Amino acid sequence: MNKFKPGKKAQNNEKVVVSIRIDNETLNKIDNLANKVDISRNELINQCIKFSFDHLEFDENKKDMS
């Protein structure tokens, strides 16, 4: 599997505001990594989501994903 390599990337201006609940430990990890690579929390989360979808293996015939 490819490795996730966060970093500064060209911005896409077509974004919408959403709200999520996230536990403190995960948020601390996100903030620490964002600071290390000098990008915003928002940009890091967007890159994580894109990476996840780019590497997702999903069987559309199977309803139960467990």
N, C-alpha and C. Protein backbone atom coordinates (compact mmCIF):
# COMPACT_ATOMS: atom_id res chain seq x y z
N MET A 1 0.84 -1.19 0.00
CA MET A 1 0.00 0.00 0.00
C MET A 1 0.88 1.25 0.00
N ASN A 2 0.44 2.25 -0.70
CA ASN A 2 1.17 3.52 -0.71
C ASN A 2 1.15 4.15 0.66
N LYS A 3 2.17 4.93 0.95
CA LYS A 3 2.24 5.63 2.23
C LYS A 3 1.62 7.00 2.09
N PHE A 4 1.04 7.47 3.18
CA PHE A 4 0.45 8.81 3.21
C PHE A 4 1.55 9.82 3.49
N LYS A 5 1.70 10.81 2.62
CA LYS A 5 2.72 11.84 2.77
C LYS A 5 2.06 13.21 2.71
N PRO A 6 1.65 13.75 3.87
CA PRO A 6 0.98 15.05 3.87
C PRO A 6 1.95 16.17 3.52
N GLY A 7 1.43 17.22 2.94
CA GLY A 7 2.26 18.38 2.62
C GLY A 7 1.44 19.46 1.94
N LYS A 8 2.09 20.57 1.66
CA LYS A 8 1.41 21.69 1.02
C LYS A 8 1.04 21.32 -0.40
N LYS A 9 -0.21 21.60 -0.76
CA LYS A 9 -0.71 21.28 -2.09
C LYS A 9 -1.55 22.45 -2.60
N ALA A 10 -1.81 22.47 -3.88
CA ALA A 10 -2.65 23.50 -4.48
C ALA A 10 -4.05 23.45 -3.86
N GLN A 11 -4.60 24.60 -3.59
CA GLN A 11 -5.91 24.68 -2.95
C GLN A 11 -7.03 24.63 -3.99
N ASN A 12 -8.08 23.92 -3.67
CA ASN A 12 -9.30 23.92 -4.46
C ASN A 12 -10.28 24.81 -3.72
N ASN A 13 -10.76 25.86 -4.32
CA ASN A 13 -11.61 26.83 -3.64
C ASN A 13 -13.04 26.37 -3.44
N GLU A 14 -13.45 25.27 -4.04
CA GLU A 14 -14.82 24.81 -3.92
C GLU A 14 -14.96 23.92 -2.68
N LYS A 15 -15.13 24.53 -1.53
CA LYS A 15 -15.25 23.77 -0.28
C LYS A 15 -16.54 24.20 0.44
N VAL A 16 -17.00 23.31 1.29
CA VAL A 16 -18.18 23.60 2.11
C VAL A 16 -17.80 23.37 3.57
N VAL A 17 -18.49 24.02 4.45
CA VAL A 17 -18.24 23.88 5.88
C VAL A 17 -19.08 22.74 6.42
N VAL A 18 -18.43 21.83 7.16
CA VAL A 18 -19.11 20.73 7.84
C VAL A 18 -18.61 20.67 9.27
N SER A 19 -19.34 20.01 10.10
CA SER A 19 -18.95 19.86 11.49
C SER A 19 -18.88 18.38 11.82
N ILE A 20 -17.81 17.98 12.52
CA ILE A 20 -17.68 16.59 12.95
C ILE A 20 -17.29 16.56 14.43
N ARG A 21 -17.58 15.45 15.07
CA ARG A 21 -17.13 15.24 16.44
C ARG A 21 -15.94 14.30 16.39
N ILE A 22 -14.90 14.64 17.13
CA ILE A 22 -13.68 13.85 17.10
C ILE A 22 -13.10 13.82 18.51
N ASP A 23 -12.54 12.69 18.91
CA ASP A 23 -12.03 12.61 20.28
C ASP A 23 -10.73 13.42 20.42
N ASN A 24 -10.43 13.81 21.65
CA ASN A 24 -9.30 14.69 21.93
C ASN A 24 -7.96 14.09 21.51
N GLU A 25 -7.79 12.80 21.73
CA GLU A 25 -6.53 12.15 21.37
C GLU A 25 -6.27 12.24 19.86
N THR A 26 -7.30 11.97 19.07
CA THR A 26 -7.15 12.05 17.62
C THR A 26 -6.89 13.49 17.18
N LEU A 27 -7.59 14.42 17.77
CA LEU A 27 -7.39 15.83 17.43
C LEU A 27 -5.97 16.27 17.76
N ASN A 28 -5.43 15.83 18.88
CA ASN A 28 -4.05 16.17 19.24
C ASN A 28 -3.07 15.61 18.21
N LYS A 29 -3.30 14.39 17.75
CA LYS A 29 -2.44 13.79 16.73
C LYS A 29 -2.52 14.58 15.42
N ILE A 30 -3.71 14.97 15.05
CA ILE A 30 -3.90 15.76 13.83
C ILE A 30 -3.16 17.08 13.95
N ASP A 31 -3.36 17.77 15.06
CA ASP A 31 -2.71 19.07 15.25
C ASP A 31 -1.19 18.96 15.28
N ASN A 32 -0.66 17.93 15.94
CA ASN A 32 0.79 17.74 16.00
C ASN A 32 1.37 17.50 14.60
N LEU A 33 0.72 16.64 13.82
CA LEU A 33 1.22 16.36 12.49
C LEU A 33 1.09 17.58 11.57
N ALA A 34 -0.03 18.27 11.66
CA ALA A 34 -0.22 19.47 10.84
C ALA A 34 0.87 20.50 11.13
N ASN A 35 1.21 20.65 12.40
CA ASN A 35 2.28 21.58 12.77
C ASN A 35 3.63 21.13 12.23
N LYS A 36 3.90 19.83 12.29
CA LYS A 36 5.18 19.30 11.80
C LYS A 36 5.37 19.53 10.31
N VAL A 37 4.30 19.38 9.54
CA VAL A 37 4.41 19.54 8.08
C VAL A 37 4.00 20.93 7.62
N ASP A 38 3.69 21.81 8.58
CA ASP A 38 3.39 23.22 8.32
C ASP A 38 2.20 23.41 7.38
N ILE A 39 1.11 22.70 7.71
CA ILE A 39 -0.15 22.91 7.00
C ILE A 39 -1.26 23.04 8.05
N SER A 40 -2.41 23.52 7.62
CA SER A 40 -3.52 23.70 8.55
C SER A 40 -4.14 22.36 8.91
N ARG A 41 -4.84 22.35 10.02
CA ARG A 41 -5.60 21.16 10.43
C ARG A 41 -6.57 20.77 9.32
N ASN A 42 -7.26 21.74 8.78
CA ASN A 42 -8.22 21.51 7.72
C ASN A 42 -7.58 20.83 6.52
N GLU A 43 -6.42 21.34 6.08
CA GLU A 43 -5.75 20.76 4.92
C GLU A 43 -5.31 19.33 5.21
N LEU A 44 -4.80 19.07 6.39
CA LEU A 44 -4.39 17.71 6.74
C LEU A 44 -5.58 16.75 6.72
N ILE A 45 -6.68 17.15 7.32
CA ILE A 45 -7.87 16.29 7.34
C ILE A 45 -8.35 16.02 5.91
N ASN A 46 -8.36 17.05 5.06
CA ASN A 46 -8.76 16.86 3.67
C ASN A 46 -7.82 15.89 2.95
N GLN A 47 -6.52 16.00 3.19
CA GLN A 47 -5.57 15.09 2.56
C GLN A 47 -5.77 13.66 3.06
N CYS A 48 -6.04 13.51 4.35
CA CYS A 48 -6.30 12.17 4.91
C CYS A 48 -7.54 11.54 4.28
N ILE A 49 -8.59 12.34 4.13
CA ILE A 49 -9.83 11.82 3.53
C ILE A 49 -9.59 11.42 2.08
N LYS A 50 -8.90 12.28 1.32
CA LYS A 50 -8.62 11.97 -0.09
C LYS A 50 -7.78 10.69 -0.20
N PHE A 51 -6.74 10.58 0.63
CA PHE A 51 -5.90 9.38 0.61
C PHE A 51 -6.73 8.14 0.91
N SER A 52 -7.60 8.26 1.89
CA SER A 52 -8.44 7.12 2.27
C SER A 52 -9.32 6.67 1.11
N PHE A 53 -9.97 7.62 0.46
CA PHE A 53 -10.83 7.26 -0.67
C PHE A 53 -10.02 6.73 -1.85
N ASP A 54 -8.83 7.28 -2.09
CA ASP A 54 -7.99 6.81 -3.19
C ASP A 54 -7.52 5.38 -2.98
N HIS A 55 -7.47 4.92 -1.73
CA HIS A 55 -6.96 3.58 -1.43
C HIS A 55 -8.04 2.66 -0.84
N LEU A 56 -9.26 3.03 -0.97
CA LEU A 56 -10.38 2.26 -0.43
C LEU A 56 -10.65 1.03 -1.28
N GLU A 57 -10.82 -0.10 -0.61
CA GLU A 57 -11.26 -1.31 -1.27
C GLU A 57 -12.67 -1.59 -0.77
N PHE A 58 -13.61 -1.58 -1.68
CA PHE A 58 -15.01 -1.66 -1.30
C PHE A 58 -15.74 -2.61 -2.23
N ASP A 59 -16.43 -3.57 -1.65
CA ASP A 59 -17.23 -4.51 -2.43
C ASP A 59 -18.66 -4.00 -2.44
N GLU A 60 -19.11 -3.48 -3.57
CA GLU A 60 -20.45 -2.90 -3.64
C GLU A 60 -21.55 -3.94 -3.46
N ASN A 61 -21.23 -5.21 -3.64
CA ASN A 61 -22.23 -6.27 -3.48
C ASN A 61 -22.41 -6.67 -2.01
N LYS A 62 -21.53 -6.21 -1.15
CA LYS A 62 -21.59 -6.58 0.26
C LYS A 62 -22.11 -5.39 1.06
N LYS A 63 -23.23 -5.55 1.75
CA LYS A 63 -23.81 -4.45 2.51
C LYS A 63 -23.12 -4.25 3.86
N ASP A 64 -22.73 -5.33 4.52
CA ASP A 64 -22.09 -5.27 5.82
C ASP A 64 -20.59 -5.06 5.62
N MET A 65 -20.07 -3.91 6.08
CA MET A 65 -18.66 -3.60 5.85
C MET A 65 -17.77 -4.07 6.99
N SER A 66 -18.30 -4.85 7.96
CA SER A 66 -17.45 -5.33 9.06
C SER A 66 -16.65 -6.55 8.67
